[in-house]
């Protein structure tokens, strides 16, 4: 997440808690913990330095592909 995304999420949480009497401190803490987890967890961030070396599916000629 970028700094701007984190700030936007925190502002959203603040607004929701201030405008909804049914939300508790526990709800707010849970939402903040989700943001912290998202910021720390890079296990789903799939980036490859050599992506450009493989070309795209649009460049691949599938017209001669044989079905087996």
N, C-alpha and C. Protein backbone atom coordinates (compact mmCIF):
# COMPACT_ATOMS: atom_id res chain seq x y z
N UNK A 1 0.84 -1.18 0.00
CA UNK A 1 0.00 0.00 0.00
C UNK A 1 0.88 1.24 0.00
N UNK A 2 0.41 2.25 -0.68
CA UNK A 2 1.14 3.51 -0.67
C UNK A 2 0.72 4.32 0.57
N UNK A 3 1.49 5.34 0.85
CA UNK A 3 1.17 6.22 1.99
C UNK A 3 -0.22 6.83 1.79
N UNK A 4 -0.51 7.22 0.56
CA UNK A 4 -1.81 7.84 0.28
C UNK A 4 -2.95 6.86 0.53
N UNK A 5 -2.75 5.59 0.18
CA UNK A 5 -3.78 4.58 0.43
C UNK A 5 -3.99 4.35 1.91
N UNK A 6 -2.90 4.32 2.67
CA UNK A 6 -2.99 4.12 4.12
C UNK A 6 -3.74 5.28 4.75
N UNK A 7 -3.37 6.50 4.37
CA UNK A 7 -4.04 7.68 4.92
C UNK A 7 -5.52 7.67 4.56
N UNK A 8 -5.84 7.32 3.32
CA UNK A 8 -7.24 7.27 2.90
C UNK A 8 -8.02 6.23 3.70
N UNK A 9 -7.42 5.07 3.94
CA UNK A 9 -8.08 4.03 4.73
C UNK A 9 -8.30 4.50 6.17
N UNK A 10 -7.29 5.14 6.77
CA UNK A 10 -7.42 5.63 8.14
C UNK A 10 -8.49 6.71 8.24
N UNK A 11 -8.52 7.62 7.26
CA UNK A 11 -9.56 8.65 7.26
C UNK A 11 -10.95 8.02 7.12
N UNK A 12 -11.06 6.99 6.33
CA UNK A 12 -12.32 6.28 6.16
C UNK A 12 -12.77 5.63 7.47
N UNK A 13 -11.83 5.00 8.15
CA UNK A 13 -12.15 4.37 9.44
C UNK A 13 -12.61 5.43 10.43
N UNK A 14 -11.88 6.53 10.50
CA UNK A 14 -12.23 7.62 11.42
C UNK A 14 -13.64 8.13 11.13
N UNK A 15 -13.95 8.37 9.86
CA UNK A 15 -15.27 8.89 9.49
C UNK A 15 -16.37 7.90 9.84
N UNK A 16 -16.13 6.62 9.58
CA UNK A 16 -17.15 5.61 9.88
C UNK A 16 -17.41 5.51 11.38
N UNK A 17 -16.35 5.53 12.17
CA UNK A 17 -16.51 5.41 13.63
C UNK A 17 -17.22 6.64 14.20
N UNK A 18 -16.87 7.82 13.68
CA UNK A 18 -17.50 9.04 14.18
C UNK A 18 -18.97 9.13 13.79
N UNK A 19 -19.34 8.56 12.65
CA UNK A 19 -20.71 8.70 12.15
C UNK A 19 -21.61 7.51 12.44
N UNK A 20 -21.08 6.49 13.09
CA UNK A 20 -21.88 5.30 13.35
C UNK A 20 -21.72 4.91 14.82
N UNK A 21 -22.75 5.14 15.61
CA UNK A 21 -22.70 4.85 17.04
C UNK A 21 -22.59 3.36 17.34
N UNK A 22 -22.93 2.52 16.38
CA UNK A 22 -22.88 1.08 16.60
C UNK A 22 -21.46 0.51 16.52
N UNK A 23 -20.55 1.27 15.91
CA UNK A 23 -19.16 0.80 15.82
C UNK A 23 -18.45 1.04 17.13
N UNK A 24 -17.71 0.05 17.57
CA UNK A 24 -17.02 0.11 18.86
C UNK A 24 -15.52 0.35 18.65
N UNK A 25 -14.85 0.54 19.75
CA UNK A 25 -13.39 0.66 19.71
C UNK A 25 -12.78 -0.61 19.14
N UNK A 26 -13.35 -1.75 19.49
CA UNK A 26 -12.84 -3.02 18.96
C UNK A 26 -12.96 -3.07 17.43
N UNK A 27 -14.06 -2.55 16.90
CA UNK A 27 -14.22 -2.50 15.44
C UNK A 27 -13.14 -1.63 14.81
N UNK A 28 -12.86 -0.49 15.44
CA UNK A 28 -11.85 0.42 14.93
C UNK A 28 -10.47 -0.23 14.97
N UNK A 29 -10.15 -0.87 16.09
CA UNK A 29 -8.85 -1.54 16.23
C UNK A 29 -8.70 -2.65 15.19
N UNK A 30 -9.76 -3.41 14.97
CA UNK A 30 -9.72 -4.48 13.97
C UNK A 30 -9.44 -3.92 12.58
N UNK A 31 -10.08 -2.81 12.23
CA UNK A 31 -9.86 -2.20 10.92
C UNK A 31 -8.42 -1.69 10.78
N UNK A 32 -7.90 -1.09 11.84
CA UNK A 32 -6.51 -0.60 11.83
C UNK A 32 -5.54 -1.78 11.74
N UNK A 33 -5.82 -2.86 12.45
CA UNK A 33 -4.97 -4.05 12.37
C UNK A 33 -4.96 -4.63 10.96
N UNK A 34 -6.09 -4.56 10.26
CA UNK A 34 -6.15 -5.02 8.87
C UNK A 34 -5.22 -4.19 7.99
N UNK A 35 -5.21 -2.89 8.22
CA UNK A 35 -4.32 -2.02 7.43
C UNK A 35 -2.87 -2.35 7.74
N UNK A 36 -2.55 -2.53 9.01
CA UNK A 36 -1.18 -2.88 9.39
C UNK A 36 -0.76 -4.19 8.74
N UNK A 37 -1.64 -5.15 8.76
CA UNK A 37 -1.36 -6.44 8.15
C UNK A 37 -1.13 -6.31 6.65
N UNK A 38 -1.98 -5.51 6.00
CA UNK A 38 -1.82 -5.29 4.56
C UNK A 38 -0.49 -4.63 4.24
N UNK A 39 -0.06 -3.73 5.08
CA UNK A 39 1.21 -3.04 4.86
C UNK A 39 2.41 -3.95 5.08
N UNK A 40 2.31 -4.85 6.03
CA UNK A 40 3.42 -5.74 6.35
C UNK A 40 3.50 -6.95 5.42
N UNK A 41 2.37 -7.39 4.92
CA UNK A 41 2.31 -8.64 4.16
C UNK A 41 2.61 -8.40 2.69
N UNK A 42 3.77 -8.85 2.27
CA UNK A 42 4.14 -8.74 0.86
C UNK A 42 4.11 -10.09 0.17
N UNK A 43 3.58 -11.10 0.83
CA UNK A 43 3.61 -12.44 0.26
C UNK A 43 2.76 -12.58 -0.99
N UNK A 44 1.77 -11.72 -1.17
CA UNK A 44 0.92 -11.79 -2.35
C UNK A 44 1.30 -10.75 -3.40
N UNK A 45 2.41 -10.05 -3.20
CA UNK A 45 2.86 -9.03 -4.12
C UNK A 45 3.79 -9.67 -5.15
N UNK A 46 3.23 -10.16 -6.23
CA UNK A 46 4.00 -10.85 -7.25
C UNK A 46 4.56 -9.86 -8.26
N UNK A 47 5.84 -9.59 -8.18
CA UNK A 47 6.48 -8.75 -9.18
C UNK A 47 7.72 -9.47 -9.68
N UNK A 48 7.96 -9.33 -10.96
CA UNK A 48 9.10 -9.98 -11.58
C UNK A 48 9.92 -8.92 -12.32
N UNK A 49 11.21 -8.94 -12.09
CA UNK A 49 12.08 -7.96 -12.72
C UNK A 49 12.20 -8.19 -14.22
N UNK A 50 12.07 -9.43 -14.67
CA UNK A 50 12.29 -9.75 -16.07
C UNK A 50 11.00 -9.98 -16.84
N UNK A 51 9.93 -9.34 -16.45
CA UNK A 51 8.64 -9.54 -17.10
C UNK A 51 8.69 -9.23 -18.58
N UNK A 52 9.43 -8.22 -18.98
CA UNK A 52 9.45 -7.80 -20.37
C UNK A 52 10.14 -8.80 -21.29
N UNK A 53 10.90 -9.72 -20.74
CA UNK A 53 11.62 -10.68 -21.56
C UNK A 53 10.72 -11.76 -22.15
N UNK A 54 9.53 -11.89 -21.63
CA UNK A 54 8.65 -12.97 -22.05
C UNK A 54 7.62 -12.55 -23.09
N UNK A 55 7.47 -11.29 -23.34
CA UNK A 55 6.48 -10.82 -24.31
C UNK A 55 5.09 -10.96 -23.73
N UNK A 56 4.11 -10.69 -24.55
CA UNK A 56 2.75 -10.79 -24.07
C UNK A 56 2.00 -11.84 -24.87
N UNK A 57 0.85 -12.24 -24.36
CA UNK A 57 0.03 -13.22 -25.07
C UNK A 57 -0.46 -12.66 -26.40
N UNK A 58 -0.51 -11.36 -26.53
CA UNK A 58 -0.96 -10.74 -27.78
C UNK A 58 0.06 -10.94 -28.90
N UNK A 59 1.32 -11.12 -28.54
CA UNK A 59 2.37 -11.31 -29.53
C UNK A 59 2.51 -12.77 -29.95
N UNK A 60 1.91 -13.67 -29.22
CA UNK A 60 2.03 -15.09 -29.49
C UNK A 60 1.06 -15.49 -30.59
N UNK A 61 1.56 -16.25 -31.57
CA UNK A 61 0.73 -16.71 -32.68
C UNK A 61 0.14 -18.07 -32.32
N UNK A 62 -1.14 -18.08 -32.00
CA UNK A 62 -1.82 -19.32 -31.64
C UNK A 62 -2.51 -19.98 -32.83
N UNK A 63 -2.36 -19.42 -34.01
CA UNK A 63 -3.07 -19.96 -35.17
C UNK A 63 -2.57 -21.35 -35.56
N UNK A 64 -1.34 -21.67 -35.23
CA UNK A 64 -0.77 -22.98 -35.60
C UNK A 64 -0.79 -23.96 -34.42
N UNK A 65 -1.49 -23.62 -33.38
CA UNK A 65 -1.60 -24.47 -32.20
C UNK A 65 -2.42 -25.70 -32.53
N UNK A 66 -1.89 -26.87 -32.22
CA UNK A 66 -2.62 -28.12 -32.48
C UNK A 66 -3.27 -28.64 -31.21
N UNK A 67 -4.51 -29.01 -31.32
CA UNK A 67 -5.22 -29.58 -30.18
C UNK A 67 -4.86 -31.05 -30.07
N UNK A 68 -4.61 -31.51 -28.88
CA UNK A 68 -4.24 -32.93 -28.68
C UNK A 68 -5.37 -33.68 -28.06
